[in-house]
């Protein structure tokens, strides 16, 4: 559920995330060595986990 295709065609796991309000998440992948660059993989409601399968 946290693997997304990047613009370069590679599939990557977007395990980094931040919460927005109680139920929303932004999953991202650090991009490049420079701070502040990232690829956004998902913005939306909490994705299922083992603990919270929805």
C-alpha atoms as a PDB file:
ATOM      1  CA  UNK A   1       0.000   0.000   0.000  1.00  0.00           C
ATOM      2  CA  UNK A   2       2.994   2.326   0.360  1.00  0.00           C
ATOM      3  CA  UNK A   3       4.818   1.513  -2.870  1.00  0.00           C
ATOM      4  CA  UNK A   4       4.398   4.136  -5.568  1.00  0.00           C
ATOM      5  CA  UNK A   5       5.908   4.619  -9.015  1.00  0.00           C
ATOM      6  CA  UNK A   6       8.211   7.650  -9.194  1.00  0.00           C
ATOM      7  CA  UNK A   7       8.657   9.963 -12.194  1.00  0.00           C
ATOM      8  CA  UNK A   8      11.860   8.076 -13.130  1.00  0.00           C
ATOM      9  CA  UNK A   9       9.826   4.857 -13.480  1.00  0.00           C
ATOM     10  CA  UNK A  10      11.168   3.208 -10.309  1.00  0.00           C
ATOM     11  CA  UNK A  11       8.807   1.771  -7.696  1.00  0.00           C
ATOM     12  CA  UNK A  12       9.762   2.949  -4.208  1.00  0.00           C
ATOM     13  CA  UNK A  13       8.408   2.424  -0.707  1.00  0.00           C
ATOM     14  CA  UNK A  14       7.139   5.687   0.733  1.00  0.00           C
ATOM     15  CA  UNK A  15       7.483   4.849   4.434  1.00  0.00           C
ATOM     16  CA  UNK A  16       8.159   8.463   5.482  1.00  0.00           C
ATOM     17  CA  UNK A  17       4.932  10.253   6.321  1.00  0.00           C
ATOM     18  CA  UNK A  18       3.459  13.116   8.266  1.00  0.00           C
ATOM     19  CA  UNK A  19       0.042  13.558   9.802  1.00  0.00           C
ATOM     20  CA  UNK A  20      -2.338  16.292   8.729  1.00  0.00           C
ATOM     21  CA  UNK A  21      -5.147  16.555  11.233  1.00  0.00           C
ATOM     22  CA  UNK A  22      -6.251  13.297  12.824  1.00  0.00           C
ATOM     23  CA  UNK A  23      -6.889  10.992   9.867  1.00  0.00           C
ATOM     24  CA  UNK A  24      -4.938  12.423   6.925  1.00  0.00           C
ATOM     25  CA  UNK A  25      -1.396  11.468   5.921  1.00  0.00           C
ATOM     26  CA  UNK A  26       1.147  12.635   3.374  1.00  0.00           C
ATOM     27  CA  UNK A  27       3.521   9.842   2.340  1.00  0.00           C
ATOM     28  CA  UNK A  28       6.750  11.020   0.767  1.00  0.00           C
ATOM     29  CA  UNK A  29      10.179   9.850  -0.356  1.00  0.00           C
ATOM     30  CA  UNK A  30      13.296  11.983   0.265  1.00  0.00           C
ATOM     31  CA  UNK A  31      14.584  13.062  -3.148  1.00  0.00           C
ATOM     32  CA  UNK A  32      18.208  13.904  -3.815  1.00  0.00           C
ATOM     33  CA  UNK A  33      20.750  14.786  -1.138  1.00  0.00           C
ATOM     34  CA  UNK A  34      19.484  18.352  -0.784  1.00  0.00           C
ATOM     35  CA  UNK A  35      17.163  19.218   2.105  1.00  0.00           C
ATOM     36  CA  UNK A  36      13.609  20.105   1.209  1.00  0.00           C
ATOM     37  CA  UNK A  37      13.310  17.927  -1.893  1.00  0.00           C
ATOM     38  CA  UNK A  38      10.853  15.069  -1.840  1.00  0.00           C
ATOM     39  CA  UNK A  39       8.450  13.140  -4.018  1.00  0.00           C
ATOM     40  CA  UNK A  40       4.878  13.006  -2.744  1.00  0.00           C
ATOM     41  CA  UNK A  41       3.403   9.529  -3.180  1.00  0.00           C
ATOM     42  CA  UNK A  42       0.059   9.852  -1.451  1.00  0.00           C
ATOM     43  CA  UNK A  43      -2.145  12.420   0.249  1.00  0.00           C
ATOM     44  CA  UNK A  44      -5.297  11.117   1.867  1.00  0.00           C
ATOM     45  CA  UNK A  45      -6.854   9.114   4.625  1.00  0.00           C
ATOM     46  CA  UNK A  46      -4.737   6.790   6.748  1.00  0.00           C
ATOM     47  CA  UNK A  47      -3.606   3.772   4.717  1.00  0.00           C
ATOM     48  CA  UNK A  48      -4.263   0.319   6.188  1.00  0.00           C
ATOM     49  CA  UNK A  49      -1.633  -1.229   8.471  1.00  0.00           C
ATOM     50  CA  UNK A  50      -1.388  -4.542  10.302  1.00  0.00           C
ATOM     51  CA  UNK A  51      -2.534  -2.817  13.495  1.00  0.00           C
ATOM     52  CA  UNK A  52      -5.266  -0.782  11.749  1.00  0.00           C
ATOM     53  CA  UNK A  53      -6.492  -2.782   8.729  1.00  0.00           C
ATOM     54  CA  UNK A  54      -9.455  -0.389   8.160  1.00  0.00           C
END
